Amino acid sequence: MHSKVVIIGSGPAARTAAIYLGRAEMKPLIYEGGWKNGTTPGGQLTTTTDVENYPGFEKSIDGTALMMAMEAQAVNCGAQIMTDWVSKLDLSKRPFKYWLDGQEHGPPDTADAIIIATGAAARRLSLPGEDKYWTKGISACAVCDGAAPNFRRKPLVVIGGGDSAAEEATFLKKFGTIVYVLVRKDKLRASKAMATRLIKSQEPEKVKERVKGPDGNEIEVEKVGNPNVTKILYNTVAVEVKGTGDWMTHVRVKNVKTGKEEDIEASGLFYAVGHDPATSIVKGQIEMDEDGYILTKPGTSYTNVEGVFAAGDVQDRRYRQAITSAGSGCIAALEAEKFLAEQDPDIENDLEAEKETKKPNGNNLAPEYRANPLL
């Protein structure tokens, strides 16, 4: 089977790309992968309960419900959803070849363009109680989940000693009464700036205000702003997560030097120990960084292989948000359509179709605002 464009993945990036390409009548195939290799149709959002920071939902929306809505929209726009897992790719020449799981020794399917949107999975620690309390207190994204009611005005714990841990701890300080940071070694791995910021956050924030003094003149006084603090526990690891069954209540920790264990009261546990991008099927064929994230031309979805595009967390090691993934999926779709139009003169490309169109006043339209049914 040959397709103009194939999308590999199932999260916001993949489904947004499918929506845009479907509307462009490109008949995209999107391979979601079923539950192979630990992946879940819908991506990491399906492991999140209330999503509060995706635009368009006043109160919040369940992560699985959001992804189901995206899938239905993609199908309605003309995309074809496949539950098969793409297990092998050959990107050496066009049309690109790919094989589905269990069919590696048979004839391949082909595509003129491929969008890689396989995502990245948060590393887990396999702690006792981890599976039981995942999404019931345990999270791998403070920005995504930290403002939820279950974490507000409660003690929280962050695991990690790098920049991500420092960022998450200082962010969570806005909501938790105290944020414990568990650092395995005797010092932080974070950059000097982030480490300094985290260390300073162990004291209540102080703000200066101008008030009227006894003589009626204004004077500057120092007051406590945010009373919440962080507490760094060096040489400390988590060994178990405890709770009521419905929600976690404590983290058991161990000092790796003394061997002493104790329970810390906590309503939230946030992992900041890194992510693993799902890029094994393109290893050795596409340029990646040292951690396996696909390298793209800044501001685009272009990889070093012409006709192959990357979107979502598989190429975003910094933000990893649903909205940024969706945005990059849109970019990949538009750029894939442009690429295909340049290869096949019979395909009208919406980004270039009105290149010569002018406004009534004679000014050329900026590319992003040209008449484009995709936008």
Protein backbone atom coordinates (compact mmCIF):
# COMPACT_ATOMS: atom_id res chain seq x y z
CA MET A 1 0.00 0.00 0.00
CA HIS A 2 1.27 3.45 -0.91
CA SER A 3 0.27 6.70 0.81
CA LYS A 4 1.11 10.32 0.19
CA VAL A 5 1.80 10.92 3.87
CA VAL A 6 2.00 8.70 6.94
CA ILE A 7 1.94 9.90 10.54
CA ILE A 8 3.50 7.72 13.23
CA GLY A 9 2.21 8.51 16.71
CA SER A 10 -1.02 9.15 18.56
CA GLY A 11 -0.63 12.19 20.82
CA PRO A 12 -1.66 15.82 20.26
CA ALA A 13 1.05 16.35 17.63
CA ALA A 14 0.07 13.31 15.56
CA ARG A 15 -3.66 13.95 15.74
CA THR A 16 -3.34 17.65 14.99
CA ALA A 17 -1.20 16.83 11.94
CA ALA A 18 -3.88 14.34 10.88
CA ILE A 19 -6.59 17.00 11.21
CA TYR A 20 -4.71 19.50 9.04
CA LEU A 21 -3.67 16.99 6.40
CA GLY A 22 -7.14 15.50 6.33
CA ARG A 23 -8.64 18.91 5.65
CA ALA A 24 -6.12 19.36 2.87
CA GLU A 25 -7.49 16.15 1.29
CA MET A 26 -4.16 14.38 1.65
CA LYS A 27 -5.84 11.25 3.09
CA PRO A 28 -3.22 10.76 5.81
CA LEU A 29 -2.68 7.43 7.52
CA ILE A 30 -1.96 7.71 11.24
CA TYR A 31 -0.39 4.69 12.90
CA GLU A 32 -1.12 4.83 16.62
CA GLY A 33 0.66 1.68 17.68
CA GLY A 34 -1.96 0.12 19.94
CA TRP A 35 -0.36 -0.71 23.26
CA LYS A 36 2.94 -1.88 21.81
CA ASN A 37 6.24 -1.03 23.52
CA GLY A 38 4.47 0.63 26.45
CA THR A 39 2.71 3.19 24.26
CA THR A 40 -0.93 4.09 24.70
CA PRO A 41 -3.21 5.40 21.94
CA GLY A 42 -3.61 9.07 22.72
CA GLY A 43 -0.16 9.49 24.23
CA GLN A 44 0.74 10.66 27.71
CA LEU A 45 -2.39 12.76 28.04
CA THR A 46 -4.38 9.58 28.53
CA THR A 47 -2.56 9.10 31.84
CA THR A 48 -3.73 12.52 33.04
CA THR A 49 -7.08 13.11 34.67
CA ASP A 50 -7.96 16.81 34.63
CA VAL A 51 -6.27 18.90 31.94
CA GLU A 52 -6.65 22.54 32.99
CA ASN A 53 -4.22 24.31 30.66
CA TYR A 54 -5.49 23.32 27.22
CA PRO A 55 -7.34 26.27 25.64
CA GLY A 56 -11.07 26.06 25.11
CA PHE A 57 -12.19 24.31 28.27
CA GLU A 58 -13.47 26.58 31.01
CA LYS A 59 -13.26 24.10 33.87
CA SER A 60 -10.94 21.35 32.57
CA ILE A 61 -11.24 18.22 30.52
CA ASP A 62 -10.22 14.64 31.15
CA GLY A 63 -7.03 13.81 29.23
CA THR A 64 -8.50 10.70 27.61
CA ALA A 65 -11.64 12.60 26.60
CA LEU A 66 -9.52 15.31 24.98
CA MET A 67 -7.58 12.79 22.92
CA MET A 68 -10.73 10.93 21.90
CA ALA A 69 -12.19 14.22 20.68
CA MET A 70 -9.02 14.91 18.66
CA GLU A 71 -9.20 11.44 17.14
CA ALA A 72 -12.86 11.89 16.17
CA GLN A 73 -12.05 15.25 14.63
CA ALA A 74 -9.16 13.77 12.63
CA VAL A 75 -11.40 10.99 11.28
CA ASN A 76 -14.11 13.52 10.44
CA CYS A 77 -11.52 15.50 8.46
CA GLY A 78 -10.54 12.49 6.40
CA ALA A 79 -7.69 10.83 8.29
CA GLN A 80 -7.55 7.07 8.57
CA ILE A 81 -6.62 5.75 12.02
CA MET A 82 -4.61 2.55 12.12
CA THR A 83 -3.95 0.68 15.37
CA ASP A 84 -0.92 -1.13 13.93
CA TRP A 85 2.58 -0.48 15.19
CA VAL A 86 5.26 0.63 12.72
CA SER A 87 8.25 -1.44 13.76
CA LYS A 88 10.71 -0.70 10.94
CA LEU A 89 11.51 2.21 8.65
CA ASP A 90 13.81 2.66 5.67
CA LEU A 91 14.42 6.36 5.05
CA SER A 92 17.31 5.94 2.63
CA LYS A 93 15.27 7.04 -0.39
CA ARG A 94 11.79 8.02 -1.49
CA PRO A 95 9.26 6.61 -1.44
CA PHE A 96 10.05 5.70 2.13
CA LYS A 97 9.47 2.11 3.17
CA TYR A 98 7.92 0.94 6.40
CA TRP A 99 6.89 -2.37 7.92
CA LEU A 100 4.25 -3.12 10.52
CA ASP A 101 4.80 -5.22 13.60
CA GLY A 102 4.94 -8.90 12.68
CA GLN A 103 5.34 -8.17 8.97
CA GLU A 104 9.02 -7.22 8.93
CA HIS A 105 9.93 -10.02 6.50
CA GLY A 106 7.17 -9.25 4.04
CA PRO A 107 6.82 -6.54 1.41
CA PRO A 108 6.85 -3.00 2.84
CA ASP A 109 4.25 -0.27 2.58
CA THR A 110 5.47 3.06 1.21
CA ALA A 111 4.91 6.78 1.68
CA ASP A 112 6.10 9.96 -0.01
CA ALA A 113 6.36 11.81 3.31
CA ILE A 114 6.47 10.73 6.94
CA ILE A 115 5.75 12.66 10.13
CA ILE A 116 7.39 11.21 13.23
CA ALA A 117 5.32 12.08 16.31
CA THR A 118 6.06 9.13 18.57
CA GLY A 119 6.51 11.24 21.71
CA ALA A 120 8.66 10.78 24.78
CA ALA A 121 7.90 8.82 27.93
CA ALA A 122 8.68 10.04 31.42
CA ARG A 123 11.15 7.81 33.18
CA ARG A 124 9.71 5.88 36.08
CA LEU A 125 11.47 4.55 39.15
CA SER A 126 9.53 1.29 39.72
CA LEU A 127 8.88 2.18 43.35
CA PRO A 128 6.49 0.07 45.40
CA GLY A 129 3.15 1.87 45.14
CA GLU A 130 4.15 3.70 41.94
CA ASP A 131 1.68 1.98 39.64
CA LYS A 132 -1.08 2.21 42.23
CA TYR A 133 -0.73 5.95 42.75
CA TRP A 134 0.25 7.05 39.25
CA THR A 135 -2.22 9.91 38.49
CA LYS A 136 -3.40 9.56 42.07
CA GLY A 137 -0.70 11.84 43.43
CA ILE A 138 2.25 10.83 41.26
CA SER A 139 2.96 12.93 38.18
CA ALA A 140 5.81 13.55 35.77
CA CYS A 141 4.81 17.12 34.93
CA ALA A 142 4.48 19.81 37.57
CA VAL A 143 3.45 22.45 35.04
CA CYS A 144 0.68 20.16 33.77
CA ASP A 145 -0.69 19.02 37.11
CA GLY A 146 0.78 21.11 39.93
CA ALA A 147 -2.04 23.66 40.12
CA ALA A 148 -4.72 20.98 40.58
CA PRO A 149 -6.81 21.26 43.78
CA ASN A 150 -5.41 18.01 45.21
CA PHE A 151 -1.94 19.59 45.40
CA ARG A 152 -2.83 23.04 46.69
CA ARG A 153 -1.84 23.88 50.25
CA LYS A 154 -0.41 20.38 50.68
CA PRO A 155 3.13 19.05 51.22
CA LEU A 156 4.71 17.89 47.95
CA VAL A 157 7.83 16.00 46.89
CA VAL A 158 10.03 16.34 43.79
CA ILE A 159 12.60 13.70 42.82
CA GLY A 160 15.67 14.88 40.92
CA GLY A 161 18.69 17.13 41.18
CA GLY A 162 18.95 18.75 37.76
CA ASP A 163 17.47 21.82 36.11
CA SER A 164 14.09 20.18 35.59
CA ALA A 165 13.81 19.31 39.27
CA ALA A 166 14.80 22.83 40.29
CA GLU A 167 12.27 24.36 37.91
CA GLU A 168 9.48 22.06 39.04
CA ALA A 169 10.19 22.61 42.73
CA THR A 170 10.18 26.39 42.43
CA PHE A 171 6.99 26.21 40.38
CA LEU A 172 5.28 23.94 42.92
CA LYS A 173 6.25 26.28 45.73
CA LYS A 174 3.40 28.52 44.55
CA PHE A 175 0.91 25.85 45.53
CA GLY A 176 2.32 23.43 48.12
CA THR A 177 2.92 24.37 51.74
CA ILE A 178 6.36 22.78 51.50
CA VAL A 179 8.15 21.12 48.61
CA TYR A 180 10.73 18.48 49.48
CA VAL A 181 13.40 17.89 46.83
CA LEU A 182 15.03 14.47 46.99
CA VAL A 183 18.59 14.54 45.66
CA ARG A 184 20.45 11.25 45.46
CA LYS A 185 23.92 12.83 45.77
CA ASP A 186 25.38 15.43 48.11
CA LYS A 187 25.00 18.26 45.61
CA LEU A 188 22.67 19.45 42.87
CA ARG A 189 23.35 18.68 39.21
CA ALA A 190 21.45 21.77 38.14
CA SER A 191 23.13 24.73 36.51
CA LYS A 192 24.56 27.32 38.87
CA ALA A 193 21.70 29.74 38.26
CA MET A 194 18.97 27.16 38.80
CA ALA A 195 20.72 25.63 41.82
CA THR A 196 21.07 29.04 43.44
CA ARG A 197 17.42 29.77 42.81
CA LEU A 198 16.35 26.49 44.37
CA ILE A 199 18.61 26.90 47.41
CA LYS A 200 17.26 30.40 48.01
CA SER A 201 13.70 29.09 47.82
CA GLN A 202 14.28 27.26 51.11
CA GLU A 203 13.52 30.56 52.82
CA PRO A 204 10.13 32.33 52.67
CA GLU A 205 9.98 34.96 49.97
CA LYS A 206 10.32 38.51 51.21
CA VAL A 207 8.80 41.50 49.49
CA LYS A 208 9.24 45.19 50.07
CA GLU A 209 6.25 47.47 50.47
CA ARG A 210 5.79 51.16 51.06
CA VAL A 211 3.50 52.03 53.96
CA LYS A 212 2.76 55.11 56.00
CA GLY A 213 5.00 55.53 59.04
CA PRO A 214 4.08 56.96 62.45
CA ASP A 215 4.81 60.47 61.20
CA GLY A 216 2.58 60.02 58.15
CA ASN A 217 5.44 59.73 55.69
CA GLU A 218 5.89 56.67 53.53
CA ILE A 219 8.53 54.18 54.58
CA GLU A 220 9.73 50.94 53.04
CA VAL A 221 9.15 47.76 55.03
CA GLU A 222 9.98 44.12 54.36
CA LYS A 223 7.25 41.53 54.62
CA VAL A 224 6.91 37.83 53.96
CA GLY A 225 5.40 37.25 50.54
CA ASN A 226 4.88 33.58 49.72
CA PRO A 227 5.42 31.69 53.01
CA ASN A 228 5.77 28.34 51.21
CA VAL A 229 9.28 26.93 51.10
CA THR A 230 11.30 24.13 49.59
CA LYS A 231 13.52 21.77 51.53
CA ILE A 232 16.39 19.98 49.81
CA LEU A 233 17.15 16.53 51.18
CA TYR A 234 20.59 15.50 49.95
CA ASN A 235 21.77 11.87 49.80
CA THR A 236 18.11 10.87 49.84
CA VAL A 237 16.03 8.58 47.64
CA ALA A 238 12.40 7.51 47.63
CA VAL A 239 11.81 3.85 48.40
CA GLU A 240 8.01 3.56 48.55
CA VAL A 241 4.79 5.49 47.95
CA LYS A 242 2.02 5.01 50.49
CA GLY A 243 -1.60 6.07 50.57
CA THR A 244 -5.21 5.30 51.25
CA GLY A 245 -5.78 3.52 47.97
CA ASP A 246 -7.61 6.47 46.48
CA TRP A 247 -4.72 8.94 46.81
CA MET A 248 -1.15 8.93 48.04
CA THR A 249 -0.44 10.32 51.51
CA HIS A 250 3.25 9.62 52.23
CA VAL A 251 6.60 8.96 50.58
CA ARG A 252 9.04 6.72 52.39
CA VAL A 253 12.58 8.01 51.93
CA LYS A 254 16.03 6.65 52.70
CA ASN A 255 19.30 8.39 53.44
CA VAL A 256 21.80 6.55 51.25
CA LYS A 257 24.71 7.32 53.61
CA THR A 258 23.15 6.40 56.94
CA GLY A 259 20.55 3.94 55.73
CA LYS A 260 17.90 5.65 57.89
CA GLU A 261 14.35 5.53 56.53
CA GLU A 262 11.38 7.73 57.38
CA ASP A 263 7.95 8.63 56.04
CA ILE A 264 7.32 12.13 54.67
CA GLU A 265 3.75 13.33 54.50
CA ALA A 266 3.01 14.27 50.90
CA SER A 267 -0.07 14.62 48.71
CA GLY A 268 1.96 14.80 45.54
CA LEU A 269 5.11 13.23 44.11
CA PHE A 270 6.64 14.69 40.96
CA TYR A 271 9.27 12.87 38.94
CA ALA A 272 11.92 15.08 37.36
CA VAL A 273 14.34 12.37 36.32
CA GLY A 274 14.12 12.80 32.57
CA HIS A 275 12.24 11.51 29.54
CA ASP A 276 13.06 8.92 26.91
CA PRO A 277 12.08 9.90 23.35
CA ALA A 278 10.58 7.07 21.31
CA THR A 279 13.06 7.25 18.44
CA SER A 280 14.41 3.72 18.20
CA ILE A 281 12.81 3.11 14.78
CA VAL A 282 14.74 6.01 13.22
CA LYS A 283 18.02 5.57 15.07
CA GLY A 284 20.94 5.88 12.70
CA GLN A 285 18.77 7.35 9.94
CA ILE A 286 17.93 10.81 11.32
CA GLU A 287 20.12 13.26 13.22
CA MET A 288 19.46 13.23 16.96
CA ASP A 289 20.99 14.84 20.02
CA GLU A 290 22.90 12.91 22.67
CA ASP A 291 19.67 11.92 24.44
CA GLY A 292 17.89 10.63 21.36
CA TYR A 293 15.65 13.61 20.57
CA ILE A 294 15.23 14.25 16.86
CA LEU A 295 16.97 17.42 15.71
CA THR A 296 14.84 19.77 13.63
CA LYS A 297 15.66 23.01 11.89
CA PRO A 298 14.79 25.74 14.45
CA GLY A 299 11.24 26.97 14.05
CA THR A 300 10.29 24.12 11.72
CA SER A 301 9.59 20.40 11.67
CA TYR A 302 12.27 19.68 9.06
CA THR A 303 14.71 16.89 9.87
CA ASN A 304 17.96 16.29 7.99
CA VAL A 305 16.11 13.81 5.75
CA GLU A 306 14.07 15.52 3.06
CA GLY A 307 10.45 14.43 3.32
CA VAL A 308 10.66 13.36 6.95
CA PHE A 309 9.23 15.69 9.59
CA ALA A 310 9.20 15.52 13.39
CA ALA A 311 6.59 16.93 15.75
CA GLY A 312 5.72 16.86 19.43
CA ASP A 313 7.77 15.63 22.35
CA VAL A 314 9.96 13.47 20.13
CA GLN A 315 11.77 16.69 19.15
CA ASP A 316 10.89 18.92 22.13
CA ARG A 317 13.00 18.27 25.18
CA ARG A 318 12.08 21.52 26.91
CA TYR A 319 8.36 22.31 26.98
CA ARG A 320 6.57 18.97 26.51
CA GLN A 321 3.09 20.47 26.74
CA ALA A 322 -0.05 19.34 24.94
CA ILE A 323 -0.53 22.75 23.35
CA THR A 324 3.05 23.01 22.08
CA SER A 325 2.80 19.46 20.70
CA ALA A 326 -0.42 20.31 18.89
CA GLY A 327 1.20 23.44 17.46
CA SER A 328 4.19 21.50 16.17
CA GLY A 329 1.83 18.94 14.64
CA CYS A 330 0.19 21.78 12.71
CA ILE A 331 3.61 22.98 11.52
CA ALA A 332 4.60 19.48 10.40
CA ALA A 333 1.36 19.05 8.46
CA LEU A 334 1.72 22.36 6.63
CA GLU A 335 5.35 21.70 5.81
CA ALA A 336 4.64 18.13 4.67
CA GLU A 337 1.90 19.40 2.37
CA LYS A 338 4.24 22.05 0.98
CA PHE A 339 6.94 19.43 0.39
CA LEU A 340 4.54 17.12 -1.45
CA ALA A 341 3.23 19.96 -3.60
CA GLU A 342 6.78 20.80 -4.64
CA GLN A 343 7.37 17.17 -5.62
CA ASP A 344 4.07 16.76 -7.48
CA PRO A 345 2.85 19.71 -9.57
CA ASP A 346 -0.66 18.23 -9.58
CA ILE A 347 -0.98 18.86 -5.84
CA GLU A 348 -2.08 22.37 -4.99
CA ASN A 349 -0.27 23.63 -1.91
CA ASP A 350 -2.19 26.01 0.29
CA LEU A 351 0.93 27.73 1.57
CA GLU A 352 2.04 28.73 -1.92
CA ALA A 353 -1.20 28.78 -3.93
CA GLU A 354 -1.79 32.48 -3.38
CA LYS A 355 1.80 33.59 -3.38
CA GLU A 356 0.98 36.38 -5.80
CA THR A 357 -2.26 37.41 -4.07
CA LYS A 358 -2.28 40.98 -2.85
CA LYS A 359 -4.41 42.91 -0.43
CA PRO A 360 -6.80 45.52 -1.87
CA ASN A 361 -4.30 48.20 -0.87
CA GLY A 362 -1.59 46.50 -2.90
CA ASN A 363 0.46 45.11 0.00
CA ASN A 364 1.58 41.50 -0.20
CA LEU A 365 0.02 39.25 2.39
CA ALA A 366 2.37 37.77 4.95
CA PRO A 367 2.72 34.01 4.31
CA GLU A 368 1.00 33.02 7.54
CA TYR A 369 -2.06 35.09 6.66
CA ARG A 370 -2.56 34.11 3.05
CA ALA A 371 -5.98 32.68 2.23
CA ASN A 372 -5.45 29.16 3.54
CA PRO A 373 -8.31 26.80 4.38
CA LEU A 374 -5.96 24.97 6.76
CA LEU A 375 -5.63 27.98 9.05
